[in-house]
Protein backbone atom coordinates (compact mmCIF):
# COMPACT_ATOMS: atom_id res chain seq x y z
CA UNK A 1 126.62 107.13 73.05
CA UNK A 2 126.19 105.38 69.62
CA UNK A 3 122.51 105.11 68.41
CA UNK A 4 122.45 100.98 69.07
CA UNK A 5 122.49 101.44 72.54
CA UNK A 6 119.73 103.97 72.46
CA UNK A 7 116.68 102.40 73.38
CA UNK A 8 112.87 103.71 71.74
CA UNK A 9 109.78 103.60 73.05
CA UNK A 10 106.83 102.89 70.86
CA UNK A 11 106.79 103.89 67.33
CA UNK A 12 107.92 108.01 65.62
CA UNK A 13 105.79 109.21 63.78
CA UNK A 14 105.92 112.35 61.80
CA UNK A 15 103.22 114.13 59.24
CA UNK A 16 103.57 117.67 57.25
CA UNK A 17 99.50 117.42 57.54
CA UNK A 18 98.59 119.69 60.00
CA UNK A 19 95.29 118.34 60.85
CA UNK A 20 97.13 114.74 61.87
CA UNK A 21 96.26 113.20 65.56
CA UNK A 22 98.36 111.04 66.82
CA UNK A 23 96.60 108.19 69.23
CA UNK A 24 98.39 106.05 71.64
CA UNK A 25 97.63 102.44 71.51
CA UNK A 26 97.69 101.55 75.26
CA UNK A 27 96.19 105.30 76.52
CA UNK A 28 92.75 104.10 77.22
CA UNK A 29 91.74 104.25 80.95
CA UNK A 30 91.10 100.65 82.58
CA UNK A 31 87.59 100.85 83.91
CA UNK A 32 88.12 99.98 87.80
CA UNK A 33 86.42 96.42 88.96
CA UNK A 34 84.41 96.41 92.51
CA UNK A 35 86.29 95.08 95.18
CA UNK A 36 84.32 92.14 94.43
CA UNK A 37 85.63 91.45 90.78
CA UNK A 38 89.52 91.90 92.42
CA UNK A 39 91.72 88.70 92.11
CA UNK A 40 94.53 90.45 94.27
CA UNK A 41 97.95 87.87 94.48
CA UNK A 42 99.95 89.00 97.58
CA UNK A 43 103.27 87.63 97.07
CA UNK A 44 106.83 88.16 99.13
CA UNK A 45 109.56 89.01 97.14
CA UNK A 46 113.37 89.46 98.09
CA UNK A 47 114.40 90.63 94.57
CA UNK A 48 117.07 93.25 93.53
CA UNK A 49 116.26 94.21 97.54
CA UNK A 50 119.35 93.01 98.67
CA UNK A 51 117.61 90.76 100.90
CA UNK A 52 114.57 92.35 102.45
CA UNK A 53 111.03 91.87 102.44
CA UNK A 54 108.70 93.17 100.75
CA UNK A 55 104.75 92.03 100.21
CA UNK A 56 103.87 92.63 96.45
CA UNK A 57 100.09 92.86 95.42
CA UNK A 58 99.21 92.55 92.30
CA UNK A 59 96.08 91.81 89.74
CA UNK A 60 94.71 95.14 90.34
CA UNK A 61 92.43 96.34 87.56
CA UNK A 62 91.86 99.47 87.81
CA UNK A 63 92.95 103.67 87.83
CA UNK A 64 96.19 104.37 89.27
CA UNK A 65 94.89 107.09 90.93
CA UNK A 66 92.69 104.40 92.88
CA UNK A 67 95.42 101.97 92.92
CA UNK A 68 97.26 104.92 94.63
CA UNK A 69 93.88 105.09 97.19
CA UNK A 70 94.28 100.93 97.90
CA UNK A 71 98.09 101.44 98.00
CA UNK A 72 97.77 104.19 100.53
CA UNK A 73 94.52 102.60 102.80
CA UNK A 74 96.56 99.28 103.08
CA UNK A 75 99.40 101.12 104.09
CA UNK A 76 98.25 103.08 106.83
CA UNK A 77 96.51 99.60 108.20
CA UNK A 78 99.76 97.94 108.19
CA UNK A 79 101.67 101.08 109.93
CA UNK A 80 104.18 100.20 107.68
CA UNK A 81 105.63 102.31 104.60
CA UNK A 82 105.41 101.52 100.76
CA UNK A 83 104.68 102.69 96.82
CA UNK A 84 102.19 101.81 94.36
CA UNK A 85 103.90 101.67 90.70
CA UNK A 86 103.15 99.97 87.44
CA UNK A 87 99.71 98.14 88.97
CA UNK A 88 101.82 97.07 91.88
CA UNK A 89 101.50 97.47 95.59
CA UNK A 90 104.52 97.16 97.09
CA UNK A 91 104.98 97.14 101.03
CA UNK A 92 107.79 97.00 102.98
CA UNK A 93 108.18 93.94 105.56
CA UNK A 94 106.63 90.93 105.85
CA UNK A 95 103.15 91.79 106.37
CA UNK A 96 101.44 88.85 103.76
CA UNK A 97 98.81 87.49 106.26
CA UNK A 98 97.73 90.77 107.70
CA UNK A 99 97.41 92.23 104.39
CA UNK A 100 95.25 89.59 103.29
CA UNK A 101 92.81 90.12 105.95
CA UNK A 102 92.80 94.33 105.18
CA UNK A 103 91.36 93.16 101.75
CA UNK A 104 89.40 90.48 102.81
CA UNK A 105 87.83 92.53 105.50
CA UNK A 106 87.45 95.32 102.08
CA UNK A 107 85.45 93.22 100.15
CA UNK A 108 88.41 91.95 97.98
CA UNK A 109 89.14 88.58 96.25
CA UNK A 110 92.86 88.38 97.73
CA UNK A 111 95.42 84.83 98.10
CA UNK A 112 98.02 84.22 98.45
CA UNK A 113 100.50 83.47 95.59
CA UNK A 114 104.27 82.37 95.24
CA UNK A 115 106.00 80.10 97.74
């Protein structure tokens, strides 16, 4: 692979100082907001899924562990599969109304977004 085709993520740092400590800028763990302060948006998504519909929940502010716990709770309530990654929750199927109902019961502020 040629050098121009390789993707470099972040800056490369090299130091001969044995006391040097590299700190990542975006590595701060974000504090999870209470459900009343969360503004969640629920979408229907068909992109890159061969026409299959996925319910997408965005806008969650908090740690990845708490995002995965919320995703697990929603998947159990909906009786459907899904995943949580990159700060978003994906639930298989067109379950937008059901997901909004579940989130509002739990105290989250959720609304429909998209088309």
